Amino acid sequence: METQPLDDVFAALDAQIQQQAEQKMKAIRSVATAHRTLTAAREDFARTDADNSRALGAALAEAKDAGFTDAELKQWRAEDEPKRASRKHGTRRASRATKDARNTSETAEPALKAVSNT
């Protein structure tokens, strides 16, 4: 059985590891560049979109001041424009008399009635 000198084995391992590291660095540089480009494009779009949205809002407000109704301007509103929150209906509460009757039956105390002195 022939054995290679350790220096040759280490040199081969070193070359293999070096090659793998270079491939990884090349790949991650490509990923970083693509990510930077995408992020910059999205930020540019977000700024432009915000400017356009503000301009549309101002134009719609001007049109409404000129006499247009919301219904007439509906087709021109942006789809992603925040909508008015709908009213939330609260839970129905029992009337005060029912609450008083419940309280007195639980405590076994007679309900007090308002007395007029006039």
PDB file of N, CA and C in Angstrom:
ATOM      1  N   MET A   1       0.824  -1.169   0.000  1.00  0.00           N
ATOM      2  CA  MET A   1       0.000   0.000   0.000  1.00  0.00           C
ATOM      3  C   MET A   1       0.875   1.242   0.000  1.00  0.00           C
ATOM      4  N   GLU A   2       0.670   2.100  -0.984  1.00  0.00           N
ATOM      5  CA  GLU A   2       1.464   3.310  -1.071  1.00  0.00           C
ATOM      6  C   GLU A   2       0.743   4.424  -0.333  1.00  0.00           C
ATOM      7  N   THR A   3       1.475   5.205   0.348  1.00  0.00           N
ATOM      8  CA  THR A   3       0.901   6.359   1.032  1.00  0.00           C
ATOM      9  C   THR A   3       1.515   7.627   0.470  1.00  0.00           C
ATOM     10  N   GLN A   4       0.664   8.647   0.350  1.00  0.00           N
ATOM     11  CA  GLN A   4       1.163   9.933  -0.120  1.00  0.00           C
ATOM     12  C   GLN A   4       1.737  10.673   1.079  1.00  0.00           C
ATOM     13  N   PRO A   5       2.697  11.502   0.837  1.00  0.00           N
ATOM     14  CA  PRO A   5       3.198  12.316   1.938  1.00  0.00           C
ATOM     15  C   PRO A   5       2.081  13.244   2.426  1.00  0.00           C
ATOM     16  N   LEU A   6       2.077  13.530   3.712  1.00  0.00           N
ATOM     17  CA  LEU A   6       1.038  14.382   4.294  1.00  0.00           C
ATOM     18  C   LEU A   6       1.000  15.760   3.662  1.00  0.00           C
ATOM     19  N   ASP A   7       2.105  16.275   3.280  1.00  0.00           N
ATOM     20  CA  ASP A   7       2.136  17.592   2.644  1.00  0.00           C
ATOM     21  C   ASP A   7       1.328  17.593   1.354  1.00  0.00           C
ATOM     22  N   ASP A   8       1.404  16.513   0.579  1.00  0.00           N
ATOM     23  CA  ASP A   8       0.633  16.416  -0.664  1.00  0.00           C
ATOM     24  C   ASP A   8      -0.867  16.323  -0.369  1.00  0.00           C
ATOM     25  N   VAL A   9      -1.219  15.560   0.665  1.00  0.00           N
ATOM     26  CA  VAL A   9      -2.639  15.411   1.053  1.00  0.00           C
ATOM     27  C   VAL A   9      -3.191  16.749   1.505  1.00  0.00           C
ATOM     28  N   PHE A  10      -2.444  17.438   2.354  1.00  0.00           N
ATOM     29  CA  PHE A  10      -2.892  18.744   2.838  1.00  0.00           C
ATOM     30  C   PHE A  10      -2.969  19.763   1.711  1.00  0.00           C
ATOM     31  N   ALA A  11      -2.051  19.710   0.794  1.00  0.00           N
ATOM     32  CA  ALA A  11      -2.059  20.631  -0.346  1.00  0.00           C
ATOM     33  C   ALA A  11      -3.298  20.391  -1.213  1.00  0.00           C
ATOM     34  N   ALA A  12      -3.649  19.133  -1.421  1.00  0.00           N
ATOM     35  CA  ALA A  12      -4.840  18.814  -2.217  1.00  0.00           C
ATOM     36  C   ALA A  12      -6.112  19.271  -1.492  1.00  0.00           C
ATOM     37  N   LEU A  13      -6.171  19.028  -0.187  1.00  0.00           N
ATOM     38  CA  LEU A  13      -7.334  19.489   0.601  1.00  0.00           C
ATOM     39  C   LEU A  13      -7.417  21.011   0.592  1.00  0.00           C
ATOM     40  N   ASP A  14      -6.288  21.652   0.735  1.00  0.00           N
ATOM     41  CA  ASP A  14      -6.253  23.112   0.728  1.00  0.00           C
ATOM     42  C   ASP A  14      -6.765  23.657  -0.606  1.00  0.00           C
ATOM     43  N   ALA A  15      -6.344  23.064  -1.706  1.00  0.00           N
ATOM     44  CA  ALA A  15      -6.787  23.505  -3.036  1.00  0.00           C
ATOM     45  C   ALA A  15      -8.294  23.286  -3.202  1.00  0.00           C
ATOM     46  N   GLN A  16      -8.780  22.151  -2.722  1.00  0.00           N
ATOM     47  CA  GLN A  16     -10.209  21.850  -2.827  1.00  0.00           C
ATOM     48  C   GLN A  16     -11.032  22.845  -2.000  1.00  0.00           C
ATOM     49  N   ILE A  17     -10.596  23.094  -0.779  1.00  0.00           N
ATOM     50  CA  ILE A  17     -11.309  24.046   0.096  1.00  0.00           C
ATOM     51  C   ILE A  17     -11.254  25.451  -0.493  1.00  0.00           C
ATOM     52  N   GLN A  18     -10.115  25.835  -1.025  1.00  0.00           N
ATOM     53  CA  GLN A  18      -9.950  27.159  -1.645  1.00  0.00           C
ATOM     54  C   GLN A  18     -10.915  27.315  -2.828  1.00  0.00           C
ATOM     55  N   GLN A  19     -11.029  26.281  -3.646  1.00  0.00           N
ATOM     56  CA  GLN A  19     -11.914  26.333  -4.811  1.00  0.00           C
ATOM     57  C   GLN A  19     -13.376  26.456  -4.364  1.00  0.00           C
ATOM     58  N   GLN A  20     -13.766  25.683  -3.352  1.00  0.00           N
ATOM     59  CA  GLN A  20     -15.140  25.751  -2.846  1.00  0.00           C
ATOM     60  C   GLN A  20     -15.440  27.139  -2.265  1.00  0.00           C
ATOM     61  N   ALA A  21     -14.473  27.697  -1.548  1.00  0.00           N
ATOM     62  CA  ALA A  21     -14.656  29.023  -0.967  1.00  0.00           C
ATOM     63  C   ALA A  21     -14.806  30.081  -2.052  1.00  0.00           C
ATOM     64  N   GLU A  22     -14.030  29.983  -3.111  1.00  0.00           N
ATOM     65  CA  GLU A  22     -14.131  30.939  -4.214  1.00  0.00           C
ATOM     66  C   GLU A  22     -15.491  30.839  -4.909  1.00  0.00           C
ATOM     67  N   GLN A  23     -15.977  29.605  -5.084  1.00  0.00           N
ATOM     68  CA  GLN A  23     -17.295  29.420  -5.691  1.00  0.00           C
ATOM     69  C   GLN A  23     -18.385  30.033  -4.814  1.00  0.00           C
ATOM     70  N   LYS A  24     -18.273  29.825  -3.504  1.00  0.00           N
ATOM     71  CA  LYS A  24     -19.257  30.394  -2.580  1.00  0.00           C
ATOM     72  C   LYS A  24     -19.201  31.917  -2.602  1.00  0.00           C
ATOM     73  N   MET A  25     -18.017  32.484  -2.609  1.00  0.00           N
ATOM     74  CA  MET A  25     -17.880  33.945  -2.639  1.00  0.00           C
ATOM     75  C   MET A  25     -18.454  34.526  -3.924  1.00  0.00           C
ATOM     76  N   LYS A  26     -18.197  33.851  -5.041  1.00  0.00           N
ATOM     77  CA  LYS A  26     -18.738  34.310  -6.314  1.00  0.00           C
ATOM     78  C   LYS A  26     -20.263  34.279  -6.282  1.00  0.00           C
ATOM     79  N   ALA A  27     -20.826  33.204  -5.739  1.00  0.00           N
ATOM     80  CA  ALA A  27     -22.284  33.065  -5.671  1.00  0.00           C
ATOM     81  C   ALA A  27     -22.895  34.103  -4.744  1.00  0.00           C
ATOM     82  N   ILE A  28     -22.298  34.322  -3.573  1.00  0.00           N
ATOM     83  CA  ILE A  28     -22.880  35.272  -2.623  1.00  0.00           C
ATOM     84  C   ILE A  28     -22.748  36.707  -3.115  1.00  0.00           C
ATOM     85  N   ARG A  29     -21.695  37.004  -3.867  1.00  0.00           N
ATOM     86  CA  ARG A  29     -21.589  38.341  -4.468  1.00  0.00           C
ATOM     87  C   ARG A  29     -22.719  38.572  -5.465  1.00  0.00           C
ATOM     88  N   SER A  30     -23.036  37.538  -6.231  1.00  0.00           N
ATOM     89  CA  SER A  30     -24.145  37.627  -7.185  1.00  0.00           C
ATOM     90  C   SER A  30     -25.471  37.837  -6.447  1.00  0.00           C
ATOM     91  N   VAL A  31     -25.666  37.111  -5.356  1.00  0.00           N
ATOM     92  CA  VAL A  31     -26.888  37.259  -4.551  1.00  0.00           C
ATOM     93  C   VAL A  31     -26.965  38.670  -3.973  1.00  0.00           C
ATOM     94  N   ALA A  32     -25.861  39.152  -3.417  1.00  0.00           N
ATOM     95  CA  ALA A  32     -25.840  40.483  -2.809  1.00  0.00           C
ATOM     96  C   ALA A  32     -26.126  41.576  -3.842  1.00  0.00           C
ATOM     97  N   THR A  33     -25.568  41.444  -5.027  1.00  0.00           N
ATOM     98  CA  THR A  33     -25.805  42.428  -6.086  1.00  0.00           C
ATOM     99  C   THR A  33     -27.271  42.424  -6.523  1.00  0.00           C
ATOM    100  N   ALA A  34     -27.825  41.235  -6.715  1.00  0.00           N
ATOM    101  CA  ALA A  34     -29.232  41.129  -7.111  1.00  0.00           C
ATOM    102  C   ALA A  34     -30.143  41.698  -6.022  1.00  0.00           C
ATOM    103  N   HIS A  35     -29.825  41.422  -4.768  1.00  0.00           N
ATOM    104  CA  HIS A  35     -30.639  41.927  -3.658  1.00  0.00           C
ATOM    105  C   HIS A  35     -30.568  43.453  -3.581  1.00  0.00           C
ATOM    106  N   ARG A  36     -29.373  43.994  -3.733  1.00  0.00           N
ATOM    107  CA  ARG A  36     -29.190  45.444  -3.695  1.00  0.00           C
ATOM    108  C   ARG A  36     -29.978  46.110  -4.828  1.00  0.00           C
ATOM    109  N   THR A  37     -29.924  45.535  -6.017  1.00  0.00           N
ATOM    110  CA  THR A  37     -30.649  46.080  -7.174  1.00  0.00           C
ATOM    111  C   THR A  37     -32.158  46.032  -6.941  1.00  0.00           C
ATOM    112  N   LEU A  38     -32.646  44.895  -6.443  1.00  0.00           N
ATOM    113  CA  LEU A  38     -34.079  44.742  -6.171  1.00  0.00           C
ATOM    114  C   LEU A  38     -34.545  45.719  -5.103  1.00  0.00           C
ATOM    115  N   THR A  39     -33.794  45.841  -4.026  1.00  0.00           N
ATOM    116  CA  THR A  39     -34.163  46.746  -2.940  1.00  0.00           C
ATOM    117  C   THR A  39     -34.207  48.193  -3.420  1.00  0.00           C
ATOM    118  N   ALA A  40     -33.216  48.594  -4.187  1.00  0.00           N
ATOM    119  CA  ALA A  40     -33.180  49.967  -4.703  1.00  0.00           C
ATOM    120  C   ALA A  40     -34.372  50.232  -5.627  1.00  0.00           C
ATOM    121  N   ALA A  41     -34.683  49.271  -6.479  1.00  0.00           N
ATOM    122  CA  ALA A  41     -35.825  49.434  -7.399  1.00  0.00           C
ATOM    123  C   ALA A  41     -37.139  49.543  -6.623  1.00  0.00           C
ATOM    124  N   ARG A  42     -37.283  48.726  -5.582  1.00  0.00           N
ATOM    125  CA  ARG A  42     -38.510  48.779  -4.776  1.00  0.00           C
ATOM    126  C   ARG A  42     -38.627  50.099  -4.024  1.00  0.00           C
ATOM    127  N   GLU A  43     -37.510  50.597  -3.507  1.00  0.00           N
ATOM    128  CA  GLU A  43     -37.538  51.883  -2.808  1.00  0.00           C
ATOM    129  C   GLU A  43     -37.892  53.016  -3.763  1.00  0.00           C
ATOM    130  N   ASP A  44     -37.342  52.979  -4.959  1.00  0.00           N
ATOM    131  CA  ASP A  44     -37.672  53.987  -5.976  1.00  0.00           C
ATOM    132  C   ASP A  44     -39.158  53.921  -6.321  1.00  0.00           C
ATOM    133  N   PHE A  45     -39.653  52.705  -6.515  1.00  0.00           N
ATOM    134  CA  PHE A  45     -41.066  52.542  -6.838  1.00  0.00           C
ATOM    135  C   PHE A  45     -41.940  53.057  -5.699  1.00  0.00           C
ATOM    136  N   ALA A  46     -41.583  52.733  -4.463  1.00  0.00           N
ATOM    137  CA  ALA A  46     -42.382  53.165  -3.312  1.00  0.00           C
ATOM    138  C   ALA A  46     -42.438  54.687  -3.222  1.00  0.00           C
ATOM    139  N   ARG A  47     -41.302  55.347  -3.468  1.00  0.00           N
ATOM    140  CA  ARG A  47     -41.285  56.815  -3.448  1.00  0.00           C
ATOM    141  C   ARG A  47     -42.159  57.381  -4.560  1.00  0.00           C
ATOM    142  N   THR A  48     -42.016  56.856  -5.754  1.00  0.00           N
ATOM    143  CA  THR A  48     -42.809  57.334  -6.891  1.00  0.00           C
ATOM    144  C   THR A  48     -44.296  57.067  -6.657  1.00  0.00           C
ATOM    145  N   ASP A  49     -44.620  55.893  -6.146  1.00  0.00           N
ATOM    146  CA  ASP A  49     -46.004  55.534  -5.877  1.00  0.00           C
ATOM    147  C   ASP A  49     -46.618  56.456  -4.823  1.00  0.00           C
ATOM    148  N   ALA A  50     -45.860  56.761  -3.772  1.00  0.00           N
ATOM    149  CA  ALA A  50     -46.358  57.666  -2.733  1.00  0.00           C
ATOM    150  C   ALA A  50     -46.603  59.061  -3.302  1.00  0.00           C
ATOM    151  N   ASP A  51     -45.687  59.540  -4.144  1.00  0.00           N
ATOM    152  CA  ASP A  51     -45.867  60.851  -4.782  1.00  0.00           C
ATOM    153  C   ASP A  51     -47.118  60.858  -5.659  1.00  0.00           C
ATOM    154  N   ASN A  52     -47.294  59.808  -6.445  1.00  0.00           N
ATOM    155  CA  ASN A  52     -48.463  59.720  -7.321  1.00  0.00           C
ATOM    156  C   ASN A  52     -49.753  59.614  -6.515  1.00  0.00           C
ATOM    157  N   SER A  53     -49.714  58.884  -5.431  1.00  0.00           N
ATOM    158  CA  SER A  53     -50.899  58.735  -4.585  1.00  0.00           C
ATOM    159  C   SER A  53     -51.292  60.072  -3.958  1.00  0.00           C
ATOM    160  N   ARG A  54     -50.293  60.823  -3.494  1.00  0.00           N
ATOM    161  CA  ARG A  54     -50.581  62.153  -2.936  1.00  0.00           C
ATOM    162  C   ARG A  54     -51.163  63.074  -4.008  1.00  0.00           C
ATOM    163  N   ALA A  55     -50.614  63.019  -5.210  1.00  0.00           N
ATOM    164  CA  ALA A  55     -51.110  63.866  -6.304  1.00  0.00           C
ATOM    165  C   ALA A  55     -52.548  63.505  -6.652  1.00  0.00           C
ATOM    166  N   LEU A  56     -52.847  62.208  -6.683  1.00  0.00           N
ATOM    167  CA  LEU A  56     -54.219  61.783  -6.969  1.00  0.00           C
ATOM    168  C   LEU A  56     -55.164  62.246  -5.866  1.00  0.00           C
ATOM    169  N   GLY A  57     -54.744  62.106  -4.619  1.00  0.00           N
ATOM    170  CA  GLY A  57     -55.576  62.563  -3.504  1.00  0.00           C
ATOM    171  C   GLY A  57     -55.872  64.043  -3.577  1.00  0.00           C
ATOM    172  N   ALA A  58     -54.858  64.827  -3.904  1.00  0.00           N
ATOM    173  CA  ALA A  58     -55.051  66.276  -4.032  1.00  0.00           C
ATOM    174  C   ALA A  58     -55.992  66.592  -5.188  1.00  0.00           C
ATOM    175  N   ALA A  59     -55.827  65.899  -6.311  1.00  0.00           N
ATOM    176  CA  ALA A  59     -56.698  66.140  -7.473  1.00  0.00           C
ATOM    177  C   ALA A  59     -58.136  65.749  -7.157  1.00  0.00           C
ATOM    178  N   LEU A  60     -58.330  64.630  -6.437  1.00  0.00           N
ATOM    179  CA  LEU A  60     -59.686  64.218  -6.062  1.00  0.00           C
ATOM    180  C   LEU A  60     -60.315  65.223  -5.101  1.00  0.00           C
ATOM    181  N   ALA A  61     -59.528  65.740  -4.169  1.00  0.00           N
ATOM    182  CA  ALA A  61     -60.048  66.747  -3.234  1.00  0.00           C
ATOM    183  C   ALA A  61     -60.452  68.010  -3.985  1.00  0.00           C
ATOM    184  N   GLU A  62     -59.644  68.394  -4.960  1.00  0.00           N
ATOM    185  CA  GLU A  62     -59.953  69.572  -5.774  1.00  0.00           C
ATOM    186  C   GLU A  62     -61.244  69.344  -6.573  1.00  0.00           C
ATOM    187  N   ALA A  63     -61.389  68.144  -7.130  1.00  0.00           N
ATOM    188  CA  ALA A  63     -62.594  67.833  -7.894  1.00  0.00           C
ATOM    189  C   ALA A  63     -63.826  67.834  -6.993  1.00  0.00           C
ATOM    190  N   LYS A  64     -63.668  67.341  -5.771  1.00  0.00           N
ATOM    191  CA  LYS A  64     -64.792  67.332  -4.832  1.00  0.00           C
ATOM    192  C   LYS A  64     -65.158  68.761  -4.446  1.00  0.00           C
ATOM    193  N   ASP A  65     -64.150  69.602  -4.245  1.00  0.00           N
ATOM    194  CA  ASP A  65     -64.416  71.017  -3.952  1.00  0.00           C
ATOM    195  C   ASP A  65     -65.112  71.702  -5.129  1.00  0.00           C
ATOM    196  N   ALA A  66     -64.857  71.215  -6.341  1.00  0.00           N
ATOM    197  CA  ALA A  66     -65.475  71.795  -7.529  1.00  0.00           C
ATOM    198  C   ALA A  66     -66.923  71.345  -7.691  1.00  0.00           C
ATOM    199  N   GLY A  67     -67.358  70.379  -6.869  1.00  0.00           N
ATOM    200  CA  GLY A  67     -68.762  69.987  -6.911  1.00  0.00           C
ATOM    201  C   GLY A  67     -69.034  68.541  -7.268  1.00  0.00           C
ATOM    202  N   PHE A  68     -68.031  67.754  -7.532  1.00  0.00           N
ATOM    203  CA  PHE A  68     -68.246  66.342  -7.831  1.00  0.00           C
ATOM    204  C   PHE A  68     -68.587  65.591  -6.545  1.00  0.00           C
ATOM    205  N   THR A  69     -69.410  64.568  -6.679  1.00  0.00           N
ATOM    206  CA  THR A  69     -69.762  63.747  -5.518  1.00  0.00           C
ATOM    207  C   THR A  69     -68.807  62.563  -5.420  1.00  0.00           C
ATOM    208  N   ASP A  70     -68.828  61.914  -4.245  1.00  0.00           N
ATOM    209  CA  ASP A  70     -67.996  60.715  -4.065  1.00  0.00           C
ATOM    210  C   ASP A  70     -68.364  59.642  -5.081  1.00  0.00           C
ATOM    211  N   ALA A  71     -69.650  59.502  -5.355  1.00  0.00           N
ATOM    212  CA  ALA A  71     -70.100  58.497  -6.321  1.00  0.00           C
ATOM    213  C   ALA A  71     -69.553  58.783  -7.717  1.00  0.00           C
ATOM    214  N   GLU A  72     -69.525  60.050  -8.087  1.00  0.00           N
ATOM    215  CA  GLU A  72     -68.999  60.421  -9.406  1.00  0.00           C
ATOM    216  C   GLU A  72     -67.487  60.224  -9.495  1.00  0.00           C
ATOM    217  N   LEU A  73     -66.801  60.336  -8.381  1.00  0.00           N
ATOM    218  CA  LEU A  73     -65.343  60.206  -8.369  1.00  0.00           C
ATOM    219  C   LEU A  73     -64.877  58.792  -8.042  1.00  0.00           C
ATOM    220  N   LYS A  74     -65.814  57.900  -7.750  1.00  0.00           N
ATOM    221  CA  LYS A  74     -65.467  56.547  -7.302  1.00  0.00           C
ATOM    222  C   LYS A  74     -64.543  55.832  -8.288  1.00  0.00           C
ATOM    223  N   GLN A  75     -64.814  55.968  -9.573  1.00  0.00           N
ATOM    224  CA  GLN A  75     -64.017  55.260 -10.583  1.00  0.00           C
ATOM    225  C   GLN A  75     -62.563  55.739 -10.627  1.00  0.00           C
ATOM    226  N   TRP A  76     -62.308  56.905 -10.086  1.00  0.00           N
ATOM    227  CA  TRP A  76     -60.966  57.465 -10.150  1.00  0.00           C
ATOM    228  C   TRP A  76     -60.148  57.205  -8.888  1.00  0.00           C
ATOM    229  N   ARG A  77     -60.762  56.639  -7.878  1.00  0.00           N
ATOM    230  CA  ARG A  77     -60.037  56.350  -6.641  1.00  0.00           C
ATOM    231  C   ARG A  77     -59.095  55.171  -6.862  1.00  0.00           C
ATOM    232  N   ALA A  78     -57.974  55.187  -6.164  1.00  0.00           N
ATOM    233  CA  ALA A  78     -56.998  54.097  -6.259  1.00  0.00           C
ATOM    234  C   ALA A  78     -57.530  52.879  -5.509  1.00  0.00           C
ATOM    235  N   GLU A  79     -57.229  51.712  -6.007  1.00  0.00           N
ATOM    236  CA  GLU A  79     -57.690  50.467  -5.389  1.00  0.00           C
ATOM    237  C   GLU A  79     -57.125  50.272  -3.990  1.00  0.00           C
ATOM    238  N   ASP A  80     -55.890  50.693  -3.771  1.00  0.00           N
ATOM    239  CA  ASP A  80     -55.252  50.474  -2.478  1.00  0.00           C
ATOM    240  C   ASP A  80     -55.476  51.619  -1.499  1.00  0.00           C
ATOM    241  N   GLU A  81     -56.359  52.546  -1.874  1.00  0.00           N
ATOM    242  CA  GLU A  81     -56.653  53.678  -1.013  1.00  0.00           C
ATOM    243  C   GLU A  81     -57.336  53.185   0.256  1.00  0.00           C
ATOM    244  N   PRO A  82     -56.952  53.706   1.409  1.00  0.00           N
ATOM    245  CA  PRO A  82     -57.591  53.232   2.638  1.00  0.00           C
ATOM    246  C   PRO A  82     -59.074  53.544   2.638  1.00  0.00           C
ATOM    247  N   LYS A  83     -59.832  52.592   3.050  1.00  0.00           N
ATOM    248  CA  LYS A  83     -61.276  52.761   3.079  1.00  0.00           C
ATOM    249  C   LYS A  83     -61.689  53.181   4.487  1.00  0.00           C
ATOM    250  N   ARG A  84     -62.860  53.801   4.573  1.00  0.00           N
ATOM    251  CA  ARG A  84     -63.355  54.181   5.890  1.00  0.00           C
ATOM    252  C   ARG A  84     -63.709  52.926   6.665  1.00  0.00           C
ATOM    253  N   ALA A  85     -63.389  52.953   7.925  1.00  0.00           N
ATOM    254  CA  ALA A  85     -63.700  51.802   8.769  1.00  0.00           C
ATOM    255  C   ALA A  85     -65.207  51.718   8.952  1.00  0.00           C
ATOM    256  N   SER A  86     -65.720  50.532   8.824  1.00  0.00           N
ATOM    257  CA  SER A  86     -67.147  50.364   9.033  1.00  0.00           C
ATOM    258  C   SER A  86     -67.425  50.401  10.529  1.00  0.00           C
ATOM    259  N   ARG A  87     -68.620  50.803  10.846  1.00  0.00           N
ATOM    260  CA  ARG A  87     -68.981  50.864  12.259  1.00  0.00           C
ATOM    261  C   ARG A  87     -69.098  49.467  12.816  1.00  0.00           C
ATOM    262  N   LYS A  88     -68.553  49.300  13.981  1.00  0.00           N
ATOM    263  CA  LYS A  88     -68.665  48.018  14.650  1.00  0.00           C
ATOM    264  C   LYS A  88     -69.876  48.080  15.568  1.00  0.00           C
ATOM    265  N   HIS A  89     -70.686  47.103  15.424  1.00  0.00           N
ATOM    266  CA  HIS A  89     -71.865  47.058  16.272  1.00  0.00           C
ATOM    267  C   HIS A  89     -71.497  46.385  17.572  1.00  0.00           C
ATOM    268  N   GLY A  90     -71.752  47.088  18.654  1.00  0.00           N
ATOM    269  CA  GLY A  90     -71.445  46.538  19.967  1.00  0.00           C
ATOM    270  C   GLY A  90     -72.445  45.470  20.348  1.00  0.00           C
ATOM    271  N   THR A  91     -72.110  44.747  21.369  1.00  0.00           N
ATOM    272  CA  THR A  91     -73.052  43.738  21.841  1.00  0.00           C
ATOM    273  C   THR A  91     -74.212  44.433  22.510  1.00  0.00           C
ATOM    274  N   ARG A  92     -75.354  43.840  22.428  1.00  0.00           N
ATOM    275  CA  ARG A  92     -76.535  44.432  23.047  1.00  0.00           C
ATOM    276  C   ARG A  92     -76.410  44.310  24.539  1.00  0.00           C
ATOM    277  N   ARG A  93     -76.726  45.368  25.194  1.00  0.00           N
ATOM    278  CA  ARG A  93     -76.666  45.371  26.645  1.00  0.00           C
ATOM    279  C   ARG A  93     -78.080  45.257  27.193  1.00  0.00           C
ATOM    280  N   ALA A  94     -78.180  44.578  28.303  1.00  0.00           N
ATOM    281  CA  ALA A  94     -79.484  44.456  28.945  1.00  0.00           C
ATOM    282  C   ALA A  94     -79.879  45.824  29.483  1.00  0.00           C
ATOM    283  N   SER A  95     -81.177  46.073  29.530  1.00  0.00           N
ATOM    284  CA  SER A  95     -81.623  47.366  30.028  1.00  0.00           C
ATOM    285  C   SER A  95     -81.293  47.485  31.506  1.00  0.00           C
ATOM    286  N   ARG A  96     -81.279  48.702  31.985  1.00  0.00           N
ATOM    287  CA  ARG A  96     -80.922  48.960  33.379  1.00  0.00           C
ATOM    288  C   ARG A  96     -81.899  48.270  34.331  1.00  0.00           C
ATOM    289  N   ALA A  97     -83.173  48.261  33.983  1.00  0.00           N
ATOM    290  CA  ALA A  97     -84.168  47.629  34.847  1.00  0.00           C
ATOM    291  C   ALA A  97     -83.869  46.133  34.999  1.00  0.00           C
ATOM    292  N   THR A  98     -83.491  45.497  33.916  1.00  0.00           N
ATOM    293  CA  THR A  98     -83.177  44.073  33.978  1.00  0.00           C
ATOM    294  C   THR A  98     -81.962  43.843  34.858  1.00  0.00           C
ATOM    295  N   LYS A  99     -80.967  44.707  34.733  1.00  0.00           N
ATOM    296  CA  LYS A  99     -79.775  44.581  35.573  1.00  0.00           C
ATOM    297  C   LYS A  99     -80.136  44.768  37.040  1.00  0.00           C
ATOM    298  N   ASP A 100     -80.980  45.784  37.322  1.00  0.00           N
ATOM    299  CA  ASP A 100     -81.378  46.038  38.708  1.00  0.00           C
ATOM    300  C   ASP A 100     -82.139  44.847  39.270  1.00  0.00           C
ATOM    301  N   ALA A 101     -83.025  44.270  38.485  1.00  0.00           N
ATOM    302  CA  ALA A 101     -83.803  43.126  38.945  1.00  0.00           C
ATOM    303  C   ALA A 101     -82.893  41.941  39.219  1.00  0.00           C
ATOM    304  N   ARG A 102     -81.910  41.749  38.366  1.00  0.00           N
ATOM    305  CA  ARG A 102     -80.969  40.653  38.562  1.00  0.00           C
ATOM    306  C   ARG A 102     -80.157  40.867  39.832  1.00  0.00           C
ATOM    307  N   ASN A 103     -79.704  42.092  40.047  1.00  0.00           N
ATOM    308  CA  ASN A 103     -78.897  42.391  41.235  1.00  0.00           C
ATOM    309  C   ASN A 103     -79.705  42.185  42.510  1.00  0.00           C
ATOM    310  N   THR A 104     -80.952  42.613  42.515  1.00  0.00           N
ATOM    311  CA  THR A 104     -81.746  42.481  43.741  1.00  0.00           C
ATOM    312  C   THR A 104     -82.120  41.033  44.002  1.00  0.00           C
ATOM    313  N   SER A 105     -82.342  40.247  42.956  1.00  0.00           N
ATOM    314  CA  SER A 105     -82.681  38.847  43.190  1.00  0.00           C
ATOM    315  C   SER A 105     -81.470  38.077  43.695  1.00  0.00           C
ATOM    316  N   GLU A 106     -80.281  38.491  43.264  1.00  0.00           N
ATOM    317  CA  GLU A 106     -79.078  37.820  43.739  1.00  0.00           C
ATOM    318  C   GLU A 106     -78.775  38.171  45.186  1.00  0.00           C
ATOM    319  N   THR A 107     -79.050  39.409  45.581  1.00  0.00           N
ATOM    320  CA  THR A 107     -78.724  39.845  46.939  1.00  0.00           C
ATOM    321  C   THR A 107     -79.910  39.709  47.873  1.00  0.00           C
ATOM    322  N   ALA A 108     -81.052  39.354  47.346  1.00  0.00           N
ATOM    323  CA  ALA A 108     -82.289  39.206  48.110  1.00  0.00           C
ATOM    324  C   ALA A 108     -82.700  40.510  48.779  1.00  0.00           C
ATOM    325  N   GLU A 109     -82.354  41.644  48.182  1.00  0.00           N
ATOM    326  CA  GLU A 109     -82.762  42.944  48.698  1.00  0.00           C
ATOM    327  C   GLU A 109     -83.855  43.485  47.794  1.00  0.00           C
ATOM    328  N   PRO A 110     -84.833  44.146  48.346  1.00  0.00           N
ATOM    329  CA  PRO A 110     -85.885  44.707  47.511  1.00  0.00           C
ATOM    330  C   PRO A 110     -85.331  45.868  46.664  1.00  0.00           C
ATOM    331  N   ALA A 111     -85.855  45.983  45.464  1.00  0.00           N
ATOM    332  CA  ALA A 111     -85.437  47.063  44.579  1.00  0.00           C
ATOM    333  C   ALA A 111     -85.941  48.372  45.142  1.00  0.00           C
ATOM    334  N   LEU A 112     -85.126  49.408  45.100  1.00  0.00           N
ATOM    335  CA  LEU A 112     -85.505  50.725  45.601  1.00  0.00           C
ATOM    336  C   LEU A 112     -86.169  51.498  44.475  1.00  0.00           C
ATOM    337  N   LYS A 113     -87.240  52.186  44.814  1.00  0.00           N
ATOM    338  CA  LYS A 113     -87.931  53.007  43.835  1.00  0.00           C
ATOM    339  C   LYS A 113     -87.731  54.470  44.204  1.00  0.00           C
ATOM    340  N   ALA A 114     -87.686  55.308  43.192  1.00  0.00           N
ATOM    341  CA  ALA A 114     -87.552  56.738  43.450  1.00  0.00           C
ATOM    342  C   ALA A 114     -88.848  57.252  44.053  1.00  0.00           C
ATOM    343  N   VAL A 115     -88.707  58.041  45.096  1.00  0.00           N
ATOM    344  CA  VAL A 115     -89.881  58.606  45.775  1.00  0.00           C
ATOM    345  C   VAL A 115     -89.894  60.093  45.548  1.00  0.00           C
ATOM    346  N   SER A 116     -91.056  60.575  45.161  1.00  0.00           N
ATOM    347  CA  SER A 116     -91.197  62.008  44.919  1.00  0.00           C
ATOM    348  C   SER A 116     -91.794  62.647  46.172  1.00  0.00           C
ATOM    349  N   ASN A 117     -91.207  63.719  46.648  1.00  0.00           N
ATOM    350  CA  ASN A 117     -91.707  64.438  47.834  1.00  0.00           C
ATOM    351  C   ASN A 117     -92.616  65.583  47.472  1.00  0.00           C
ATOM    352  N   THR A 118     -92.992  65.760  46.278  1.00  0.00           N
ATOM    353  CA  THR A 118     -93.823  66.916  45.916  1.00  0.00           C
ATOM    354  C   THR A 118     -95.265  66.562  45.886  1.00  0.00           C
TER     355      THR A 118
END
